Amino acid sequence: MYAKKISGIVLSLLCLFILFAPVLQSDGNAGVGVMNVPPNFANIRILQQENSIRVYLTLSDYNSWLDIYKVTIILEEKGAEIAKFIYKQHEEPDTFDSINKFYDNSGLNLLNIESCDVSHSYEDITVADRCHLNLRFVFQTTYFSQLHIIAEDRAGDSAETFVEYYAGGDAHRDSDTLLIPWIDGTIKWSLPPYLLDMLILFMAILGTVYIGKKSHFSQTLQKVFYETK
């Protein structure tokens, strides 16, 4: 009787394993062997350099970085699509052969495909080694206020996020560089040394004098001065 109970438990466990085995993801040596979960964004960084904008993405998928199928970046302005860039790790979601290609679907040729990059760890020691995929999108400066980012895995699950962006807001500039937002991108205007600081100081003094002349305090001082004379 006891042996029959043990056999029944083992048989039940075996049936459960057979039922759930198809949804377990191993993805070769990279996978961590869990049920399929959608990808997520571990890190997003935007950097403006000269006449280009670089978007650094670190995607995390607990079924392994190899499970990420496609990543789409949409540049938006007030809800309108300005441009769309796509990275595909696989040609089709049901294949494991990596193609690692970047596409510019905007028709504006803004994406600098040669400067785009994808990388991942070749180790499988830590969770980051097995799950993180690093992407770099590089495109010409153009006016937009929001990034719409969508990541999809091979099982059809997806994650999306929205990142607000202001032209020139994340740029690293020196004290002699002025960034001016424009329709076709940000204009970089280099000035002679200290001219920008002197211009700001002059405008501050001019504004102070103008406000002082219009204020009640200035009028009171003038009355006191003339009455004493």
C-alpha atoms as a PDB file:
ATOM      1  CA  MET A   1       0.000   0.000   0.000  1.00  0.00           C
ATOM      2  CA  TYR A   2       2.800   2.408   0.948  1.00  0.00           C
ATOM      3  CA  ALA A   3       4.648   1.637  -2.293  1.00  0.00           C
ATOM      4  CA  LYS A   4       1.490   2.378  -4.297  1.00  0.00           C
ATOM      5  CA  LYS A   5       1.183   5.833  -2.643  1.00  0.00           C
ATOM      6  CA  ILE A   6       4.814   6.636  -3.458  1.00  0.00           C
ATOM      7  CA  SER A   7       4.294   5.508  -7.049  1.00  0.00           C
ATOM      8  CA  GLY A   8       1.178   7.679  -7.298  1.00  0.00           C
ATOM      9  CA  ILE A   9       3.029  10.778  -6.054  1.00  0.00           C
ATOM     10  CA  VAL A  10       5.919  10.193  -8.454  1.00  0.00           C
ATOM     11  CA  LEU A  11       3.503   9.677 -11.341  1.00  0.00           C
ATOM     12  CA  SER A  12       1.658  12.912 -10.464  1.00  0.00           C
ATOM     13  CA  LEU A  13       4.904  14.888 -10.364  1.00  0.00           C
ATOM     14  CA  LEU A  14       5.926  13.421 -13.692  1.00  0.00           C
ATOM     15  CA  CYS A  15       2.633  14.455 -15.259  1.00  0.00           C
ATOM     16  CA  LEU A  16       3.024  18.001 -13.924  1.00  0.00           C
ATOM     17  CA  PHE A  17       6.524  18.194 -15.345  1.00  0.00           C
ATOM     18  CA  ILE A  18       5.303  17.045 -18.771  1.00  0.00           C
ATOM     19  CA  LEU A  19       2.500  19.641 -18.713  1.00  0.00           C
ATOM     20  CA  PHE A  20       4.668  22.609 -17.763  1.00  0.00           C
ATOM     21  CA  ALA A  21       7.898  21.673 -19.541  1.00  0.00           C
ATOM     22  CA  PRO A  22       6.946  23.464 -22.817  1.00  0.00           C
ATOM     23  CA  VAL A  23       6.681  26.851 -21.068  1.00  0.00           C
ATOM     24  CA  LEU A  24      10.027  26.579 -19.329  1.00  0.00           C
ATOM     25  CA  GLN A  25      12.714  28.621 -21.048  1.00  0.00           C
ATOM     26  CA  SER A  26      16.315  27.491 -20.999  1.00  0.00           C
ATOM     27  CA  ASP A  27      17.708  29.312 -24.073  1.00  0.00           C
ATOM     28  CA  GLY A  28      20.914  27.328 -24.115  1.00  0.00           C
ATOM     29  CA  ASN A  29      23.554  28.210 -21.560  1.00  0.00           C
ATOM     30  CA  ALA A  30      22.202  31.713 -21.052  1.00  0.00           C
ATOM     31  CA  GLY A  31      18.785  30.958 -19.572  1.00  0.00           C
ATOM     32  CA  VAL A  32      17.931  30.782 -15.902  1.00  0.00           C
ATOM     33  CA  GLY A  33      15.149  28.250 -16.424  1.00  0.00           C
ATOM     34  CA  VAL A  34      11.990  30.050 -15.325  1.00  0.00           C
ATOM     35  CA  MET A  35       8.527  30.357 -16.835  1.00  0.00           C
ATOM     36  CA  ASN A  36       8.358  32.999 -19.540  1.00  0.00           C
ATOM     37  CA  VAL A  37       8.340  36.548 -18.183  1.00  0.00           C
ATOM     38  CA  PRO A  38       8.337  39.782 -20.211  1.00  0.00           C
ATOM     39  CA  PRO A  39      11.544  41.820 -20.530  1.00  0.00           C
ATOM     40  CA  ASN A  40      12.080  44.957 -18.486  1.00  0.00           C
ATOM     41  CA  PHE A  41      14.296  48.043 -18.540  1.00  0.00           C
ATOM     42  CA  ALA A  42      17.247  47.865 -16.166  1.00  0.00           C
ATOM     43  CA  ASN A  43      18.725  51.204 -17.233  1.00  0.00           C
ATOM     44  CA  ILE A  44      18.061  54.025 -19.713  1.00  0.00           C
ATOM     45  CA  ARG A  45      20.504  56.848 -20.395  1.00  0.00           C
ATOM     46  CA  ILE A  46      20.347  59.633 -22.998  1.00  0.00           C
ATOM     47  CA  LEU A  47      23.436  61.625 -23.944  1.00  0.00           C
ATOM     48  CA  GLN A  48      23.781  64.413 -26.511  1.00  0.00           C
ATOM     49  CA  GLN A  49      27.199  64.734 -28.138  1.00  0.00           C
ATOM     50  CA  GLU A  50      27.943  67.249 -30.859  1.00  0.00           C
ATOM     51  CA  ASN A  51      25.249  66.728 -33.516  1.00  0.00           C
ATOM     52  CA  SER A  52      24.079  63.310 -32.386  1.00  0.00           C
ATOM     53  CA  ILE A  53      22.017  61.789 -29.591  1.00  0.00           C
ATOM     54  CA  ARG A  54      22.960  58.479 -27.986  1.00  0.00           C
ATOM     55  CA  VAL A  55      20.405  56.332 -26.205  1.00  0.00           C
ATOM     56  CA  TYR A  56      21.903  53.638 -23.979  1.00  0.00           C
ATOM     57  CA  LEU A  57      19.536  50.828 -22.971  1.00  0.00           C
ATOM     58  CA  THR A  58      20.118  47.906 -20.642  1.00  0.00           C
ATOM     59  CA  LEU A  59      17.344  45.363 -21.067  1.00  0.00           C
ATOM     60  CA  SER A  60      16.806  42.508 -18.651  1.00  0.00           C
ATOM     61  CA  ASP A  61      15.018  39.261 -19.439  1.00  0.00           C
ATOM     62  CA  TYR A  62      14.973  36.511 -16.823  1.00  0.00           C
ATOM     63  CA  ASN A  63      14.644  33.942 -19.601  1.00  0.00           C
ATOM     64  CA  SER A  64      18.065  35.233 -20.763  1.00  0.00           C
ATOM     65  CA  TRP A  65      19.199  38.060 -22.990  1.00  0.00           C
ATOM     66  CA  LEU A  66      18.829  35.670 -25.925  1.00  0.00           C
ATOM     67  CA  ASP A  67      15.048  35.694 -25.406  1.00  0.00           C
ATOM     68  CA  ILE A  68      14.771  39.375 -26.402  1.00  0.00           C
ATOM     69  CA  TYR A  69      13.422  39.565 -29.933  1.00  0.00           C
ATOM     70  CA  LYS A  70      12.988  43.238 -30.838  1.00  0.00           C
ATOM     71  CA  VAL A  71      13.405  46.725 -29.372  1.00  0.00           C
ATOM     72  CA  THR A  72      11.673  49.780 -30.854  1.00  0.00           C
ATOM     73  CA  ILE A  73      12.399  53.436 -30.101  1.00  0.00           C
ATOM     74  CA  ILE A  74       9.825  56.010 -31.240  1.00  0.00           C
ATOM     75  CA  LEU A  75      10.592  59.742 -31.124  1.00  0.00           C
ATOM     76  CA  GLU A  76       7.409  61.653 -30.347  1.00  0.00           C
ATOM     77  CA  GLU A  77       6.306  65.271 -30.156  1.00  0.00           C
ATOM     78  CA  LYS A  78       2.888  65.947 -28.590  1.00  0.00           C
ATOM     79  CA  GLY A  79       1.793  62.390 -29.350  1.00  0.00           C
ATOM     80  CA  ALA A  80       2.871  62.543 -32.995  1.00  0.00           C
ATOM     81  CA  GLU A  81       5.507  60.115 -34.264  1.00  0.00           C
ATOM     82  CA  ILE A  82       8.652  61.856 -35.513  1.00  0.00           C
ATOM     83  CA  ALA A  83      10.873  58.833 -36.177  1.00  0.00           C
ATOM     84  CA  LYS A  84      11.081  55.117 -35.413  1.00  0.00           C
ATOM     85  CA  PHE A  85      14.216  52.999 -34.877  1.00  0.00           C
ATOM     86  CA  ILE A  86      14.218  49.211 -34.486  1.00  0.00           C
ATOM     87  CA  TYR A  87      16.739  46.682 -33.226  1.00  0.00           C
ATOM     88  CA  LYS A  88      16.160  42.993 -33.973  1.00  0.00           C
ATOM     89  CA  GLN A  89      18.188  40.284 -32.292  1.00  0.00           C
ATOM     90  CA  HIS A  90      16.476  37.545 -34.345  1.00  0.00           C
ATOM     91  CA  GLU A  91      15.024  37.573 -37.832  1.00  0.00           C
ATOM     92  CA  GLU A  92      11.860  35.857 -36.533  1.00  0.00           C
ATOM     93  CA  PRO A  93      10.654  35.333 -32.950  1.00  0.00           C
ATOM     94  CA  ASP A  94      10.772  31.531 -33.256  1.00  0.00           C
ATOM     95  CA  THR A  95      14.484  31.365 -34.132  1.00  0.00           C
ATOM     96  CA  PHE A  96      17.626  31.503 -32.013  1.00  0.00           C
ATOM     97  CA  ASP A  97      20.006  32.671 -34.742  1.00  0.00           C
ATOM     98  CA  SER A  98      21.132  36.192 -33.839  1.00  0.00           C
ATOM     99  CA  ILE A  99      21.248  38.795 -36.604  1.00  0.00           C
ATOM    100  CA  ASN A 100      21.715  41.925 -34.407  1.00  0.00           C
ATOM    101  CA  LYS A 101      20.474  44.473 -36.946  1.00  0.00           C
ATOM    102  CA  PHE A 102      19.355  48.085 -36.546  1.00  0.00           C
ATOM    103  CA  TYR A 103      16.761  49.702 -38.828  1.00  0.00           C
ATOM    104  CA  ASP A 104      15.593  53.264 -39.472  1.00  0.00           C
ATOM    105  CA  ASN A 105      11.873  53.063 -40.232  1.00  0.00           C
ATOM    106  CA  SER A 106      11.337  56.824 -40.340  1.00  0.00           C
ATOM    107  CA  GLY A 107      12.561  57.371 -43.884  1.00  0.00           C
ATOM    108  CA  LEU A 108      14.554  60.370 -42.639  1.00  0.00           C
ATOM    109  CA  ASN A 109      17.926  58.594 -42.403  1.00  0.00           C
ATOM    110  CA  LEU A 110      18.442  59.883 -38.875  1.00  0.00           C
ATOM    111  CA  LEU A 111      19.831  56.655 -37.435  1.00  0.00           C
ATOM    112  CA  ASN A 112      23.598  56.213 -37.633  1.00  0.00           C
ATOM    113  CA  ILE A 113      23.571  52.439 -37.966  1.00  0.00           C
ATOM    114  CA  GLU A 114      27.370  52.128 -38.017  1.00  0.00           C
ATOM    115  CA  SER A 115      27.584  53.742 -34.566  1.00  0.00           C
ATOM    116  CA  CYS A 116      24.811  51.622 -33.041  1.00  0.00           C
ATOM    117  CA  ASP A 117      25.950  48.699 -30.948  1.00  0.00           C
ATOM    118  CA  VAL A 118      24.742  45.653 -29.026  1.00  0.00           C
ATOM    119  CA  SER A 119      26.661  43.767 -26.340  1.00  0.00           C
ATOM    120  CA  HIS A 120      26.180  41.194 -23.607  1.00  0.00           C
ATOM    121  CA  SER A 121      28.242  39.096 -21.255  1.00  0.00           C
ATOM    122  CA  TYR A 122      29.636  35.802 -22.476  1.00  0.00           C
ATOM    123  CA  GLU A 123      29.711  34.477 -18.917  1.00  0.00           C
ATOM    124  CA  ASP A 124      26.819  32.850 -17.102  1.00  0.00           C
ATOM    125  CA  ILE A 125      27.915  33.364 -13.504  1.00  0.00           C
ATOM    126  CA  THR A 126      25.631  36.157 -12.330  1.00  0.00           C
ATOM    127  CA  VAL A 127      22.029  37.050 -13.146  1.00  0.00           C
ATOM    128  CA  ALA A 128      23.277  40.125 -15.036  1.00  0.00           C
ATOM    129  CA  ASP A 129      25.549  37.901 -17.130  1.00  0.00           C
ATOM    130  CA  ARG A 130      22.643  35.707 -18.136  1.00  0.00           C
ATOM    131  CA  CYS A 131      19.904  38.320 -18.454  1.00  0.00           C
ATOM    132  CA  HIS A 132      21.253  41.750 -19.494  1.00  0.00           C
ATOM    133  CA  LEU A 133      21.429  42.967 -23.075  1.00  0.00           C
ATOM    134  CA  ASN A 134      23.063  46.357 -23.746  1.00  0.00           C
ATOM    135  CA  LEU A 135      22.009  48.480 -26.711  1.00  0.00           C
ATOM    136  CA  ARG A 136      23.244  51.791 -28.083  1.00  0.00           C
ATOM    137  CA  PHE A 137      21.156  53.790 -30.546  1.00  0.00           C
ATOM    138  CA  VAL A 138      22.880  56.774 -32.191  1.00  0.00           C
ATOM    139  CA  PHE A 139      20.916  59.231 -34.309  1.00  0.00           C
ATOM    140  CA  GLN A 140      21.156  62.808 -35.567  1.00  0.00           C
ATOM    141  CA  THR A 141      19.730  65.562 -33.419  1.00  0.00           C
ATOM    142  CA  THR A 142      16.124  66.355 -34.199  1.00  0.00           C
ATOM    143  CA  TYR A 143      13.369  68.016 -32.247  1.00  0.00           C
ATOM    144  CA  PHE A 144      11.292  65.686 -30.063  1.00  0.00           C
ATOM    145  CA  SER A 145      10.019  65.738 -26.501  1.00  0.00           C
ATOM    146  CA  GLN A 146       9.483  62.074 -25.655  1.00  0.00           C
ATOM    147  CA  LEU A 147      10.980  58.651 -26.225  1.00  0.00           C
ATOM    148  CA  HIS A 148       8.558  55.742 -26.487  1.00  0.00           C
ATOM    149  CA  ILE A 149      10.503  52.496 -25.986  1.00  0.00           C
ATOM    150  CA  ILE A 150       9.050  49.020 -26.546  1.00  0.00           C
ATOM    151  CA  ALA A 151      10.863  45.730 -25.871  1.00  0.00           C
ATOM    152  CA  GLU A 152       9.467  42.401 -27.096  1.00  0.00           C
ATOM    153  CA  ASP A 153      10.535  38.826 -26.387  1.00  0.00           C
ATOM    154  CA  ARG A 154      10.210  35.727 -28.566  1.00  0.00           C
ATOM    155  CA  ALA A 155       7.053  34.590 -26.756  1.00  0.00           C
ATOM    156  CA  GLY A 156       5.214  37.793 -27.681  1.00  0.00           C
ATOM    157  CA  ASP A 157       5.360  39.449 -24.255  1.00  0.00           C
ATOM    158  CA  SER A 158       6.433  43.084 -24.200  1.00  0.00           C
ATOM    159  CA  ALA A 159       7.292  46.005 -21.958  1.00  0.00           C
ATOM    160  CA  GLU A 160       7.129  49.699 -22.767  1.00  0.00           C
ATOM    161  CA  THR A 161       8.134  52.953 -21.159  1.00  0.00           C
ATOM    162  CA  PHE A 162       8.043  56.678 -21.923  1.00  0.00           C
ATOM    163  CA  VAL A 163      10.966  59.016 -21.257  1.00  0.00           C
ATOM    164  CA  GLU A 164      10.586  62.785 -21.490  1.00  0.00           C
ATOM    165  CA  TYR A 165      13.432  64.612 -23.193  1.00  0.00           C
ATOM    166  CA  TYR A 166      14.262  68.277 -23.743  1.00  0.00           C
ATOM    167  CA  ALA A 167      16.701  69.220 -26.487  1.00  0.00           C
ATOM    168  CA  GLY A 168      20.023  70.174 -24.949  1.00  0.00           C
ATOM    169  CA  GLY A 169      18.881  69.235 -21.451  1.00  0.00           C
ATOM    170  CA  ASP A 170      21.212  66.269 -21.130  1.00  0.00           C
ATOM    171  CA  ALA A 171      24.076  67.690 -23.158  1.00  0.00           C
ATOM    172  CA  HIS A 172      27.431  68.332 -21.560  1.00  0.00           C
ATOM    173  CA  ARG A 173      28.660  71.723 -22.743  1.00  0.00           C
ATOM    174  CA  ASP A 174      31.443  74.105 -21.788  1.00  0.00           C
ATOM    175  CA  SER A 175      30.932  77.732 -20.763  1.00  0.00           C
ATOM    176  CA  ASP A 176      31.477  78.990 -24.322  1.00  0.00           C
ATOM    177  CA  THR A 177      28.837  76.846 -26.030  1.00  0.00           C
ATOM    178  CA  LEU A 178      25.215  77.828 -26.509  1.00  0.00           C
ATOM    179  CA  LEU A 179      22.653  75.180 -27.515  1.00  0.00           C
ATOM    180  CA  ILE A 180      19.611  76.568 -29.363  1.00  0.00           C
ATOM    181  CA  PRO A 181      16.594  74.292 -30.047  1.00  0.00           C
ATOM    182  CA  TRP A 182      15.502  74.441 -33.693  1.00  0.00           C
ATOM    183  CA  ILE A 183      13.065  72.672 -36.012  1.00  0.00           C
ATOM    184  CA  ASP A 184      15.643  70.363 -37.594  1.00  0.00           C
ATOM    185  CA  GLY A 185      17.646  69.783 -34.438  1.00  0.00           C
ATOM    186  CA  THR A 186      19.657  71.600 -31.842  1.00  0.00           C
ATOM    187  CA  ILE A 187      22.000  74.310 -33.119  1.00  0.00           C
ATOM    188  CA  LYS A 188      25.366  74.450 -31.376  1.00  0.00           C
ATOM    189  CA  TRP A 189      26.773  77.997 -31.287  1.00  0.00           C
ATOM    190  CA  SER A 190      30.364  78.375 -30.100  1.00  0.00           C
ATOM    191  CA  LEU A 191      31.205  81.787 -28.643  1.00  0.00           C
ATOM    192  CA  PRO A 192      34.513  83.524 -27.890  1.00  0.00           C
ATOM    193  CA  PRO A 193      35.865  82.846 -24.391  1.00  0.00           C
ATOM    194  CA  TYR A 194      33.889  84.511 -21.546  1.00  0.00           C
ATOM    195  CA  LEU A 195      31.510  86.228 -23.993  1.00  0.00           C
ATOM    196  CA  LEU A 196      28.533  84.164 -22.862  1.00  0.00           C
ATOM    197  CA  ASP A 197      29.204  84.899 -19.180  1.00  0.00           C
ATOM    198  CA  MET A 198      29.653  88.622 -19.919  1.00  0.00           C
ATOM    199  CA  LEU A 199      26.418  88.656 -21.934  1.00  0.00           C
ATOM    200  CA  ILE A 200      24.498  87.033 -19.080  1.00  0.00           C
ATOM    201  CA  LEU A 201      25.983  89.513 -16.581  1.00  0.00           C
ATOM    202  CA  PHE A 202      25.115  92.469 -18.813  1.00  0.00           C
ATOM    203  CA  MET A 203      21.513  91.301 -19.207  1.00  0.00           C
ATOM    204  CA  ALA A 204      21.240  90.823 -15.442  1.00  0.00           C
ATOM    205  CA  ILE A 205      22.508  94.367 -14.749  1.00  0.00           C
ATOM    206  CA  LEU A 206      20.236  95.835 -17.423  1.00  0.00           C
ATOM    207  CA  GLY A 207      17.233  94.026 -15.978  1.00  0.00           C
ATOM    208  CA  THR A 208      18.064  95.171 -12.452  1.00  0.00           C
ATOM    209  CA  VAL A 209      18.353  98.823 -13.529  1.00  0.00           C
ATOM    210  CA  TYR A 210      15.073  98.650 -15.453  1.00  0.00           C
ATOM    211  CA  ILE A 211      13.190  97.085 -12.559  1.00  0.00           C
ATOM    212  CA  GLY A 212      14.752  99.553 -10.143  1.00  0.00           C
ATOM    213  CA  LYS A 213      13.524 102.540 -12.174  1.00  0.00           C
ATOM    214  CA  LYS A 214       9.997 101.147 -12.282  1.00  0.00           C
ATOM    215  CA  SER A 215       9.797 100.233  -8.604  1.00  0.00           C
ATOM    216  CA  HIS A 216       8.179 102.304  -5.804  1.00  0.00           C
ATOM    217  CA  PHE A 217      11.415 102.147  -3.827  1.00  0.00           C
ATOM    218  CA  SER A 218      13.231 104.089  -6.564  1.00  0.00           C
ATOM    219  CA  GLN A 219      10.519 106.764  -6.626  1.00  0.00           C
ATOM    220  CA  THR A 220      10.664 107.135  -2.834  1.00  0.00           C
ATOM    221  CA  LEU A 221      14.434 107.643  -2.942  1.00  0.00           C
ATOM    222  CA  GLN A 222      14.055 110.333  -5.616  1.00  0.00           C
ATOM    223  CA  LYS A 223      11.473 112.224  -3.517  1.00  0.00           C
ATOM    224  CA  VAL A 224      13.673 112.113  -0.415  1.00  0.00           C
ATOM    225  CA  PHE A 225      16.716 113.292  -2.414  1.00  0.00           C
ATOM    226  CA  TYR A 226      14.956 116.323  -3.960  1.00  0.00           C
ATOM    227  CA  GLU A 227      13.226 117.344  -0.708  1.00  0.00           C
ATOM    228  CA  THR A 228      16.553 117.430   1.158  1.00  0.00           C
ATOM    229  CA  LYS A 229      17.939 119.743  -1.530  1.00  0.00           C
END
